[in-house]
Amino acid sequence: MEETQLSVGDDVLEGARDVLNDPEAGAPELRFAATRLSECLCDALRVARSRGTRLEDYEDRADEHEDEHEDEYGDEDEEADGDTTAQENDA
């Protein structure tokens, strides 16, 4: 559905440009183009918000998975730092 909305938006934008470039276009044509552009902008914003929400949900799940992994296996970076410190003390 999102792809259809964005495709329609491309078509409406092309038609609106034609109307705007026509010096003989009158108020009814301009109003029609503006109305269709407004509708398409609403659709595009809805798509963007939907995708943003899905991205946030994905990032939250990835963070939770990472936290679970660290809890289960410990922090490997801390172990590596400890080994380095021990080697420095031996020197």
C-alpha atoms as a PDB file:
ATOM      1  CA  MET A   1       0.000   0.000   0.000  1.00  0.00           C
ATOM      2  CA  GLU A   2       2.847   2.398   0.846  1.00  0.00           C
ATOM      3  CA  GLU A   3       4.449   1.845  -2.541  1.00  0.00           C
ATOM      4  CA  THR A   4       1.152   2.652  -4.266  1.00  0.00           C
ATOM      5  CA  GLN A   5       0.716   5.844  -2.242  1.00  0.00           C
ATOM      6  CA  LEU A   6       4.230   7.011  -3.128  1.00  0.00           C
ATOM      7  CA  SER A   7       3.753   6.117  -6.796  1.00  0.00           C
ATOM      8  CA  VAL A   8       0.501   8.103  -6.933  1.00  0.00           C
ATOM      9  CA  GLY A   9       2.358  10.994  -5.287  1.00  0.00           C
ATOM     10  CA  ASP A  10       4.939  10.939  -8.097  1.00  0.00           C
ATOM     11  CA  ASP A  11       2.158  11.066 -10.695  1.00  0.00           C
ATOM     12  CA  VAL A  12       0.340  13.914  -8.932  1.00  0.00           C
ATOM     13  CA  LEU A  13       3.579  15.872  -8.581  1.00  0.00           C
ATOM     14  CA  GLU A  14       4.254  15.533 -12.301  1.00  0.00           C
ATOM     15  CA  GLY A  15       0.730  16.739 -13.138  1.00  0.00           C
ATOM     16  CA  ALA A  16       0.985  19.637 -10.687  1.00  0.00           C
ATOM     17  CA  ARG A  17       4.242  20.767 -12.275  1.00  0.00           C
ATOM     18  CA  ASP A  18       2.524  20.777 -15.653  1.00  0.00           C
ATOM     19  CA  VAL A  19      -0.291  22.939 -14.270  1.00  0.00           C
ATOM     20  CA  LEU A  20       2.151  25.328 -12.594  1.00  0.00           C
ATOM     21  CA  ASN A  21       4.164  25.682 -15.805  1.00  0.00           C
ATOM     22  CA  ASP A  22       1.032  26.468 -17.817  1.00  0.00           C
ATOM     23  CA  PRO A  23       0.594  30.257 -17.880  1.00  0.00           C
ATOM     24  CA  GLU A  24      -3.034  29.811 -18.944  1.00  0.00           C
ATOM     25  CA  ALA A  25      -3.960  27.594 -15.956  1.00  0.00           C
ATOM     26  CA  GLY A  26      -6.732  29.181 -13.978  1.00  0.00           C
ATOM     27  CA  ALA A  27      -7.735  29.111 -10.352  1.00  0.00           C
ATOM     28  CA  PRO A  28      -9.796  25.888 -10.626  1.00  0.00           C
ATOM     29  CA  GLU A  29      -6.860  23.972 -12.103  1.00  0.00           C
ATOM     30  CA  LEU A  30      -4.437  25.366  -9.528  1.00  0.00           C
ATOM     31  CA  ARG A  31      -6.845  24.599  -6.696  1.00  0.00           C
ATOM     32  CA  PHE A  32      -7.284  21.032  -7.963  1.00  0.00           C
ATOM     33  CA  ALA A  33      -3.507  20.541  -8.184  1.00  0.00           C
ATOM     34  CA  ALA A  34      -3.006  21.997  -4.693  1.00  0.00           C
ATOM     35  CA  THR A  35      -5.711  19.746  -3.245  1.00  0.00           C
ATOM     36  CA  ARG A  36      -4.222  16.612  -4.805  1.00  0.00           C
ATOM     37  CA  LEU A  37      -0.708  17.624  -3.638  1.00  0.00           C
ATOM     38  CA  SER A  38      -2.023  18.143  -0.111  1.00  0.00           C
ATOM     39  CA  GLU A  39      -3.574  14.664  -0.122  1.00  0.00           C
ATOM     40  CA  CYS A  40      -0.350  13.114  -1.379  1.00  0.00           C
ATOM     41  CA  LEU A  41       1.703  14.972   1.210  1.00  0.00           C
ATOM     42  CA  CYS A  42      -0.540  13.537   3.936  1.00  0.00           C
ATOM     43  CA  ASP A  43       0.020  10.046   2.500  1.00  0.00           C
ATOM     44  CA  ALA A  44       3.789  10.563   2.287  1.00  0.00           C
ATOM     45  CA  LEU A  45       3.924  11.771   5.900  1.00  0.00           C
ATOM     46  CA  ARG A  46       1.871   8.764   7.003  1.00  0.00           C
ATOM     47  CA  VAL A  47       4.323   6.452   5.208  1.00  0.00           C
ATOM     48  CA  ALA A  48       7.322   8.207   6.767  1.00  0.00           C
ATOM     49  CA  ARG A  49       5.859   8.027  10.268  1.00  0.00           C
ATOM     50  CA  SER A  50       4.945   4.384   9.817  1.00  0.00           C
ATOM     51  CA  ARG A  51       8.440   3.527   8.646  1.00  0.00           C
ATOM     52  CA  GLY A  52       9.946   5.551  11.481  1.00  0.00           C
ATOM     53  CA  THR A  53       7.862   3.677  14.038  1.00  0.00           C
ATOM     54  CA  ARG A  54       8.855   0.334  12.549  1.00  0.00           C
ATOM     55  CA  LEU A  55      12.521   1.387  12.599  1.00  0.00           C
ATOM     56  CA  GLU A  56      12.279   2.419  16.260  1.00  0.00           C
ATOM     57  CA  ASP A  57      10.624  -0.909  17.124  1.00  0.00           C
ATOM     58  CA  TYR A  58      13.376  -2.780  15.274  1.00  0.00           C
ATOM     59  CA  GLU A  59      16.117  -0.813  17.062  1.00  0.00           C
ATOM     60  CA  ASP A  60      14.461  -1.417  20.456  1.00  0.00           C
ATOM     61  CA  ARG A  61      14.316  -5.168  19.789  1.00  0.00           C
ATOM     62  CA  ALA A  62      17.967  -5.169  18.683  1.00  0.00           C
ATOM     63  CA  ASP A  63      18.994  -3.327  21.868  1.00  0.00           C
ATOM     64  CA  GLU A  64      17.027  -5.783  24.012  1.00  0.00           C
ATOM     65  CA  HIS A  65      18.663  -8.722  22.241  1.00  0.00           C
ATOM     66  CA  GLU A  66      22.106  -7.191  22.781  1.00  0.00           C
ATOM     67  CA  ASP A  67      21.374  -6.639  26.480  1.00  0.00           C
ATOM     68  CA  GLU A  68      20.224 -10.257  26.856  1.00  0.00           C
ATOM     69  CA  HIS A  69      23.397 -11.450  25.131  1.00  0.00           C
ATOM     70  CA  GLU A  70      25.593  -9.387  27.482  1.00  0.00           C
ATOM     71  CA  ASP A  71      23.695 -10.682  30.546  1.00  0.00           C
ATOM     72  CA  GLU A  72      24.080 -14.267  29.397  1.00  0.00           C
ATOM     73  CA  TYR A  73      27.712 -14.214  28.312  1.00  0.00           C
ATOM     74  CA  GLY A  74      29.160 -11.245  30.163  1.00  0.00           C
ATOM     75  CA  ASP A  75      30.957  -8.322  28.615  1.00  0.00           C
ATOM     76  CA  GLU A  76      33.842  -9.629  26.531  1.00  0.00           C
ATOM     77  CA  ASP A  77      35.430  -6.162  26.370  1.00  0.00           C
ATOM     78  CA  GLU A  78      35.845  -6.070  30.152  1.00  0.00           C
ATOM     79  CA  GLU A  79      37.651  -9.427  30.073  1.00  0.00           C
ATOM     80  CA  ALA A  80      39.997  -8.193  27.352  1.00  0.00           C
ATOM     81  CA  ASP A  81      40.750  -5.033  29.361  1.00  0.00           C
ATOM     82  CA  GLY A  82      41.541  -7.158  32.412  1.00  0.00           C
ATOM     83  CA  ASP A  83      44.000  -9.304  30.450  1.00  0.00           C
ATOM     84  CA  THR A  84      45.761  -6.187  29.140  1.00  0.00           C
ATOM     85  CA  THR A  85      46.101  -4.784  32.642  1.00  0.00           C
ATOM     86  CA  ALA A  86      47.546  -8.068  33.895  1.00  0.00           C
ATOM     87  CA  GLN A  87      50.083  -8.083  31.069  1.00  0.00           C
ATOM     88  CA  GLU A  88      51.103  -4.499  31.860  1.00  0.00           C
ATOM     89  CA  ASN A  89      51.630  -5.401  35.516  1.00  0.00           C
ATOM     90  CA  ASP A  90      53.939  -8.302  34.527  1.00  0.00           C
ATOM     91  CA  ALA A  91      56.146  -5.947  32.473  1.00  0.00           C
END
